[in-house]
Structures are given as C-alpha cells and as structure tokens.
N, C-alpha and C. Protein backbone atom coordinates (compact mmCIF):
# COMPACT_ATOMS: atom_id res chain seq x y z
N MET A 1 91.32 74.19 89.06
CA MET A 1 90.13 74.83 89.62
C MET A 1 89.07 73.78 89.90
N ASN A 2 88.18 74.08 90.82
CA ASN A 2 87.14 73.11 91.12
C ASN A 2 85.96 73.30 90.18
N ASP A 3 84.94 72.48 90.38
CA ASP A 3 83.79 72.52 89.47
C ASP A 3 82.73 73.52 89.88
N ARG A 4 82.93 74.19 91.02
CA ARG A 4 81.94 75.17 91.46
C ARG A 4 82.00 76.40 90.57
N ALA A 5 80.86 76.86 90.16
CA ALA A 5 80.81 78.08 89.36
C ALA A 5 80.51 79.25 90.27
N ALA A 6 81.12 80.36 89.99
CA ALA A 6 80.83 81.57 90.74
C ALA A 6 79.41 82.01 90.43
N PRO A 7 78.75 82.74 91.36
CA PRO A 7 77.38 83.19 91.12
C PRO A 7 77.23 83.95 89.80
N SER A 8 78.25 84.67 89.40
CA SER A 8 78.16 85.40 88.14
C SER A 8 78.33 84.47 86.95
N GLY A 9 78.66 83.19 87.24
CA GLY A 9 78.84 82.23 86.17
C GLY A 9 80.28 82.10 85.73
N GLN A 10 81.16 82.95 86.23
CA GLN A 10 82.54 82.90 85.79
C GLN A 10 83.48 83.15 86.96
N ALA A 11 84.39 82.21 87.16
CA ALA A 11 85.38 82.36 88.21
C ALA A 11 86.37 83.46 87.82
N ALA A 12 86.92 84.11 88.82
CA ALA A 12 87.89 85.19 88.58
C ALA A 12 89.14 84.65 87.90
N SER A 13 89.64 85.40 86.97
CA SER A 13 90.88 85.04 86.30
C SER A 13 92.07 85.46 87.16
N ALA A 14 93.24 84.94 86.81
CA ALA A 14 94.46 85.32 87.52
C ALA A 14 94.67 86.83 87.44
N ALA A 15 94.42 87.40 86.28
CA ALA A 15 94.60 88.84 86.10
C ALA A 15 93.63 89.63 86.98
N GLU A 16 92.39 89.17 87.09
CA GLU A 16 91.41 89.87 87.94
C GLU A 16 91.81 89.78 89.40
N ILE A 17 92.25 88.61 89.83
CA ILE A 17 92.66 88.43 91.22
C ILE A 17 93.84 89.33 91.54
N ARG A 18 94.81 89.38 90.65
CA ARG A 18 95.99 90.25 90.86
C ARG A 18 95.60 91.72 90.85
N ALA A 19 94.63 92.08 90.02
CA ALA A 19 94.18 93.48 89.97
C ALA A 19 93.55 93.88 91.30
N ILE A 20 92.89 92.94 91.96
CA ILE A 20 92.23 93.22 93.23
C ILE A 20 93.23 93.20 94.39
N LEU A 21 94.08 92.18 94.41
CA LEU A 21 94.97 91.96 95.55
C LEU A 21 96.37 92.51 95.39
N GLY A 22 96.74 92.87 94.18
CA GLY A 22 98.10 93.31 93.93
C GLY A 22 99.00 92.09 93.72
N PRO A 23 100.30 92.30 93.80
CA PRO A 23 101.22 91.18 93.58
C PRO A 23 101.04 90.12 94.68
N ILE A 24 100.75 88.91 94.26
CA ILE A 24 100.58 87.82 95.23
C ILE A 24 101.36 86.60 94.78
N ASP A 25 101.66 85.76 95.72
CA ASP A 25 102.35 84.50 95.51
C ASP A 25 101.51 83.60 94.59
N GLU A 26 102.17 82.85 93.72
CA GLU A 26 101.48 81.96 92.78
C GLU A 26 100.64 80.91 93.52
N THR A 27 101.14 80.41 94.63
CA THR A 27 100.41 79.41 95.42
C THR A 27 99.11 79.99 95.96
N LEU A 28 99.17 81.21 96.47
CA LEU A 28 97.98 81.89 96.97
C LEU A 28 96.98 82.11 95.83
N LEU A 29 97.48 82.52 94.69
CA LEU A 29 96.63 82.73 93.53
C LEU A 29 95.88 81.45 93.17
N ILE A 30 96.58 80.34 93.14
CA ILE A 30 95.97 79.06 92.78
C ILE A 30 94.93 78.65 93.83
N GLU A 31 95.25 78.85 95.10
CA GLU A 31 94.29 78.52 96.16
C GLU A 31 92.99 79.31 95.98
N ILE A 32 93.12 80.59 95.66
CA ILE A 32 91.93 81.42 95.46
C ILE A 32 91.16 80.96 94.23
N GLN A 33 91.86 80.65 93.15
CA GLN A 33 91.19 80.19 91.93
C GLN A 33 90.43 78.89 92.18
N ARG A 34 90.97 78.03 93.02
CA ARG A 34 90.32 76.75 93.31
C ARG A 34 88.98 76.92 94.01
N THR A 35 88.74 78.06 94.63
CA THR A 35 87.45 78.28 95.28
C THR A 35 86.34 78.49 94.26
N GLY A 36 86.70 78.89 93.05
CA GLY A 36 85.70 79.19 92.03
C GLY A 36 85.04 80.54 92.21
N ALA A 37 85.60 81.37 93.11
CA ALA A 37 85.01 82.68 93.39
C ALA A 37 85.11 83.61 92.19
N SER A 38 84.09 84.41 92.03
CA SER A 38 84.09 85.43 90.97
C SER A 38 84.98 86.59 91.41
N ALA A 39 85.28 87.48 90.48
CA ALA A 39 86.06 88.67 90.82
C ALA A 39 85.33 89.49 91.89
N ALA A 40 84.02 89.57 91.79
CA ALA A 40 83.25 90.32 92.79
C ALA A 40 83.37 89.69 94.17
N GLU A 41 83.41 88.37 94.23
CA GLU A 41 83.54 87.69 95.51
C GLU A 41 84.94 87.86 96.09
N VAL A 42 85.96 87.82 95.24
CA VAL A 42 87.32 88.06 95.71
C VAL A 42 87.42 89.48 96.26
N LEU A 43 86.86 90.44 95.55
CA LEU A 43 86.87 91.83 96.01
C LEU A 43 86.12 91.96 97.33
N GLU A 44 84.97 91.30 97.45
CA GLU A 44 84.21 91.37 98.70
C GLU A 44 85.01 90.78 99.86
N ALA A 45 85.66 89.65 99.64
CA ALA A 45 86.46 89.03 100.70
C ALA A 45 87.59 89.95 101.13
N PHE A 46 88.28 90.53 100.17
CA PHE A 46 89.39 91.44 100.47
C PHE A 46 88.87 92.67 101.23
N THR A 47 87.77 93.22 100.77
CA THR A 47 87.19 94.41 101.40
C THR A 47 86.73 94.11 102.82
N ARG A 48 86.10 92.97 103.03
CA ARG A 48 85.65 92.61 104.38
C ARG A 48 86.84 92.50 105.33
N LEU A 49 87.92 91.89 104.88
CA LEU A 49 89.09 91.77 105.75
C LEU A 49 89.69 93.14 106.05
N GLU A 50 89.77 93.99 105.06
CA GLU A 50 90.32 95.33 105.26
C GLU A 50 89.43 96.16 106.18
N GLU A 51 88.11 96.07 106.01
CA GLU A 51 87.19 96.82 106.88
C GLU A 51 87.31 96.34 108.31
N ASP A 52 87.40 95.03 108.49
CA ASP A 52 87.52 94.48 109.84
C ASP A 52 88.80 94.97 110.50
N ASP A 53 89.88 95.09 109.74
CA ASP A 53 91.14 95.61 110.28
C ASP A 53 90.99 97.06 110.71
N ALA A 54 90.27 97.84 109.93
CA ALA A 54 90.17 99.27 110.17
C ALA A 54 89.23 99.61 111.33
N VAL A 55 88.12 98.92 111.44
CA VAL A 55 87.11 99.31 112.43
C VAL A 55 86.60 98.16 113.28
N GLY A 56 87.25 97.04 113.28
CA GLY A 56 86.76 95.88 114.01
C GLY A 56 85.75 95.13 113.17
N LYS A 57 85.20 94.10 113.71
CA LYS A 57 84.23 93.30 112.96
C LYS A 57 83.01 94.15 112.61
N VAL A 58 82.74 94.25 111.32
CA VAL A 58 81.63 95.06 110.84
C VAL A 58 80.43 94.16 110.60
N VAL A 59 79.27 94.55 111.11
CA VAL A 59 78.06 93.79 110.90
C VAL A 59 77.54 94.09 109.50
N ARG A 60 77.29 93.05 108.77
CA ARG A 60 76.80 93.20 107.40
C ARG A 60 76.09 91.92 106.98
N ARG A 61 75.59 91.89 105.79
CA ARG A 61 74.88 90.70 105.32
C ARG A 61 75.83 89.50 105.32
N PRO A 62 75.29 88.30 105.43
CA PRO A 62 76.15 87.12 105.43
C PRO A 62 76.91 86.97 104.11
N ALA A 63 78.12 86.45 104.21
CA ALA A 63 78.94 86.23 103.03
C ALA A 63 78.57 84.90 102.37
N THR A 64 78.78 84.81 101.07
CA THR A 64 78.59 83.54 100.37
C THR A 64 79.69 82.58 100.79
N ALA A 65 79.50 81.31 100.48
CA ALA A 65 80.51 80.30 100.81
C ALA A 65 81.85 80.62 100.15
N ALA A 66 81.82 81.08 98.90
CA ALA A 66 83.06 81.40 98.20
C ALA A 66 83.77 82.57 98.87
N VAL A 67 83.04 83.58 99.30
CA VAL A 67 83.64 84.73 99.98
C VAL A 67 84.29 84.27 101.28
N VAL A 68 83.61 83.42 102.03
CA VAL A 68 84.17 82.91 103.28
C VAL A 68 85.45 82.13 103.01
N GLU A 69 85.46 81.30 101.97
CA GLU A 69 86.67 80.54 101.62
C GLU A 69 87.83 81.46 101.27
N VAL A 70 87.57 82.46 100.43
CA VAL A 70 88.63 83.39 100.04
C VAL A 70 89.12 84.17 101.25
N MET A 71 88.21 84.59 102.12
CA MET A 71 88.63 85.30 103.33
C MET A 71 89.54 84.43 104.18
N ALA A 72 89.22 83.16 104.32
CA ALA A 72 90.04 82.25 105.12
C ALA A 72 91.42 82.10 104.50
N ILE A 73 91.50 81.99 103.19
CA ILE A 73 92.78 81.87 102.50
C ILE A 73 93.60 83.13 102.70
N LEU A 74 92.99 84.29 102.49
CA LEU A 74 93.71 85.55 102.64
C LEU A 74 94.14 85.77 104.09
N ASP A 75 93.27 85.45 105.03
CA ASP A 75 93.60 85.64 106.43
C ASP A 75 94.76 84.74 106.85
N ALA A 76 94.76 83.51 106.37
CA ALA A 76 95.85 82.58 106.71
C ALA A 76 97.18 83.03 106.11
N ALA A 77 97.13 83.76 105.00
CA ALA A 77 98.35 84.21 104.34
C ALA A 77 98.90 85.48 104.93
N ARG A 78 98.13 86.12 105.80
CA ARG A 78 98.57 87.39 106.40
C ARG A 78 99.65 87.13 107.45
N PRO A 79 100.69 87.91 107.44
CA PRO A 79 101.72 87.74 108.46
C PRO A 79 101.33 88.43 109.77
N GLY A 80 101.94 87.99 110.82
CA GLY A 80 101.86 88.74 112.07
C GLY A 80 100.80 88.30 113.04
N PRO A 81 100.85 88.91 114.22
CA PRO A 81 99.96 88.54 115.32
C PRO A 81 98.54 89.09 115.19
N GLU A 82 98.26 89.92 114.18
CA GLU A 82 96.92 90.49 114.09
C GLU A 82 95.89 89.47 113.65
N ARG A 83 96.34 88.30 113.20
CA ARG A 83 95.39 87.27 112.81
C ARG A 83 94.71 86.73 114.05
N ASP A 84 93.41 86.34 113.88
CA ASP A 84 92.65 85.76 115.00
C ASP A 84 93.10 84.35 115.27
C-alpha cells in the first residue's frame, strides 16, 4: 500500500473492498488497496461507474483523487466495448 491516508484516516481493507465489489481478482484488489482509498471512496467510485452505465454521465460534485484512481482501475478492468 502507499503512504497516502484515506480522508477517513483508514484505507479500505480487503474484506471491505470485497464486500463492496463482490468477488474480485487478487491483482485488482491490490491495485485498489495501493490507492489508499477508504471504503467510502471505493463505494463512491463503484457507484459512480454504475450510475454512469445506467443513465449516462451524471453531473455531481467532483470526486476526490482516490475516487478517480479507483474509478480508473475499475473501468480498466471492465470487459467489453462499453469502456470509453
């Protein structure tokens, strides 16, 4: 993991990440942990990607750097042509 602390002061654990994302590849899990994102930030990143899939790009408050990093990791791991 990197030295960045999540805004809540605690980076998400492997169990928290799996609880949010479901079963995921160990490499993906490690990539997400390296961002230092909190469980709330991982959930926000996942939710933003899911909302964008459902209704197009949704206008909302800017994401934190950790949320943007997690979104990029999750988006890159998605299969198929729906990726931008």
